[in-house]
C-alpha atoms as a PDB file:
ATOM      1  CA  UNK A   1      -3.460 -10.211  11.664  1.00  0.00           C
ATOM      2  CA  UNK A   2      -6.767  -7.975  11.391  1.00  0.00           C
ATOM      3  CA  UNK A   3      -5.851  -4.623  10.452  1.00  0.00           C
ATOM      4  CA  UNK A   4      -8.684  -2.256   9.774  1.00  0.00           C
ATOM      5  CA  UNK A   5      -7.834  -0.800   5.598  1.00  0.00           C
ATOM      6  CA  UNK A   6      -9.973   1.579   3.948  1.00  0.00           C
ATOM      7  CA  UNK A   7     -13.321   0.931   3.713  1.00  0.00           C
ATOM      8  CA  UNK A   8     -13.157   0.792  -0.597  1.00  0.00           C
ATOM      9  CA  UNK A   9      -9.759  -1.369  -0.259  1.00  0.00           C
ATOM     10  CA  UNK A  10     -10.701  -3.974  -3.246  1.00  0.00           C
ATOM     11  CA  UNK A  11     -11.490  -0.637  -5.249  1.00  0.00           C
ATOM     12  CA  UNK A  12      -8.095   0.934  -4.031  1.00  0.00           C
ATOM     13  CA  UNK A  13      -6.426  -1.946  -4.583  1.00  0.00           C
ATOM     14  CA  UNK A  14      -7.317  -3.176  -8.282  1.00  0.00           C
ATOM     15  CA  UNK A  15      -6.534   1.169  -9.357  1.00  0.00           C
ATOM     16  CA  UNK A  16      -3.508   0.651  -8.015  1.00  0.00           C
ATOM     17  CA  UNK A  17      -2.427  -2.112  -9.698  1.00  0.00           C
ATOM     18  CA  UNK A  18      -3.954  -0.823 -13.104  1.00  0.00           C
ATOM     19  CA  UNK A  19      -1.626   2.274 -12.637  1.00  0.00           C
ATOM     20  CA  UNK A  20       1.284   0.043 -11.139  1.00  0.00           C
ATOM     21  CA  UNK A  21       0.548  -1.835 -14.773  1.00  0.00           C
ATOM     22  CA  UNK A  22       0.490   1.270 -17.058  1.00  0.00           C
ATOM     23  CA  UNK A  23       3.383   3.286 -15.573  1.00  0.00           C
ATOM     24  CA  UNK A  24       5.597   0.759 -13.508  1.00  0.00           C
ATOM     25  CA  UNK A  25       8.246   2.828 -11.462  1.00  0.00           C
ATOM     26  CA  UNK A  26       8.234   5.844 -14.046  1.00  0.00           C
ATOM     27  CA  UNK A  27       8.255   9.474 -12.069  1.00  0.00           C
ATOM     28  CA  UNK A  28       7.964   7.028  -8.730  1.00  0.00           C
ATOM     29  CA  UNK A  29       7.584   9.821  -6.707  1.00  0.00           C
ATOM     30  CA  UNK A  30       4.427  11.321  -7.841  1.00  0.00           C
ATOM     31  CA  UNK A  31       1.081  10.466  -6.129  1.00  0.00           C
ATOM     32  CA  UNK A  32      -0.212   8.057  -8.309  1.00  0.00           C
ATOM     33  CA  UNK A  33      -1.769   5.752  -5.913  1.00  0.00           C
ATOM     34  CA  UNK A  34      -3.838   5.506  -2.544  1.00  0.00           C
ATOM     35  CA  UNK A  35      -2.749   4.094   0.579  1.00  0.00           C
ATOM     36  CA  UNK A  36      -5.052   1.116   0.848  1.00  0.00           C
ATOM     37  CA  UNK A  37      -5.359   2.017   4.990  1.00  0.00           C
ATOM     38  CA  UNK A  38      -5.873   5.642   4.785  1.00  0.00           C
ATOM     39  CA  UNK A  39      -7.217   6.494   1.111  1.00  0.00           C
ATOM     40  CA  UNK A  40      -4.690   8.752   0.401  1.00  0.00           C
ATOM     41  CA  UNK A  41      -2.586   9.685  -2.366  1.00  0.00           C
ATOM     42  CA  UNK A  42       1.171   8.132  -2.105  1.00  0.00           C
ATOM     43  CA  UNK A  43       3.377   7.753  -4.409  1.00  0.00           C
ATOM     44  CA  UNK A  44       6.030   4.231  -4.588  1.00  0.00           C
ATOM     45  CA  UNK A  45       9.244   5.698  -2.910  1.00  0.00           C
ATOM     46  CA  UNK A  46       6.959   7.031  -0.128  1.00  0.00           C
ATOM     47  CA  UNK A  47       5.098   3.404   0.475  1.00  0.00           C
ATOM     48  CA  UNK A  48       5.471  -0.372   0.693  1.00  0.00           C
ATOM     49  CA  UNK A  49       3.858  -2.179  -1.587  1.00  0.00           C
ATOM     50  CA  UNK A  50       4.084  -5.733  -3.870  1.00  0.00           C
ATOM     51  CA  UNK A  51       3.976  -3.510  -7.125  1.00  0.00           C
ATOM     52  CA  UNK A  52       1.577  -1.485  -6.193  1.00  0.00           C
ATOM     53  CA  UNK A  53      -0.537  -4.757  -4.509  1.00  0.00           C
ATOM     54  CA  UNK A  54      -1.444  -3.710  -0.999  1.00  0.00           C
ATOM     55  CA  UNK A  55       0.201  -0.420  -0.878  1.00  0.00           C
ATOM     56  CA  UNK A  56       0.618   1.720   2.165  1.00  0.00           C
ATOM     57  CA  UNK A  57       2.241   4.576   3.177  1.00  0.00           C
ATOM     58  CA  UNK A  58       4.909   3.997   5.068  1.00  0.00           C
ATOM     59  CA  UNK A  59       3.896   6.716   7.624  1.00  0.00           C
ATOM     60  CA  UNK A  60       0.437   4.217   7.826  1.00  0.00           C
ATOM     61  CA  UNK A  61       2.339   1.360   8.354  1.00  0.00           C
ATOM     62  CA  UNK A  62       4.375   2.816  11.556  1.00  0.00           C
ATOM     63  CA  UNK A  63       1.403   4.244  13.157  1.00  0.00           C
ATOM     64  CA  UNK A  64      -0.408   0.877  12.371  1.00  0.00           C
ATOM     65  CA  UNK A  65       2.110  -2.109  12.449  1.00  0.00           C
ATOM     66  CA  UNK A  66       4.650  -0.043  14.829  1.00  0.00           C
ATOM     67  CA  UNK A  67       8.284   1.457  13.591  1.00  0.00           C
ATOM     68  CA  UNK A  68       9.776  -1.689  15.322  1.00  0.00           C
ATOM     69  CA  UNK A  69       7.353  -4.732  13.158  1.00  0.00           C
ATOM     70  CA  UNK A  70       7.759  -3.249  10.430  1.00  0.00           C
ATOM     71  CA  UNK A  71       8.389  -7.230   8.795  1.00  0.00           C
ATOM     72  CA  UNK A  72       4.787  -7.522  10.241  1.00  0.00           C
ATOM     73  CA  UNK A  73       3.611  -5.168   7.142  1.00  0.00           C
ATOM     74  CA  UNK A  74       5.070  -7.669   4.556  1.00  0.00           C
ATOM     75  CA  UNK A  75       3.784 -10.743   6.904  1.00  0.00           C
ATOM     76  CA  UNK A  76       0.197  -8.849   6.236  1.00  0.00           C
ATOM     77  CA  UNK A  77       0.785  -8.164   2.914  1.00  0.00           C
ATOM     78  CA  UNK A  78       1.264 -12.044   2.139  1.00  0.00           C
ATOM     79  CA  UNK A  79      -1.684 -12.535   4.365  1.00  0.00           C
ATOM     80  CA  UNK A  80      -4.214 -10.495   1.932  1.00  0.00           C
ATOM     81  CA  UNK A  81      -3.472 -13.360  -1.083  1.00  0.00           C
ATOM     82  CA  UNK A  82      -4.189 -16.310   0.887  1.00  0.00           C
END
């Protein structure tokens, strides 16, 4: 799946992983992360990710993958590790 991500995707993703590894799910509604698609601040409870990895705002996921195709977000996340 060819999805347009933020130009700083690698840096944002790395920072999100570091934050998650330090703080876990504590204060899950705080905007401590950034969306890898739009780059804007995000919280765990308003996004999809794998423990902070490939974190995408729910809104960006709807816009990018379509509200009826949310399973494609998970497929895309899995493809990123290949």
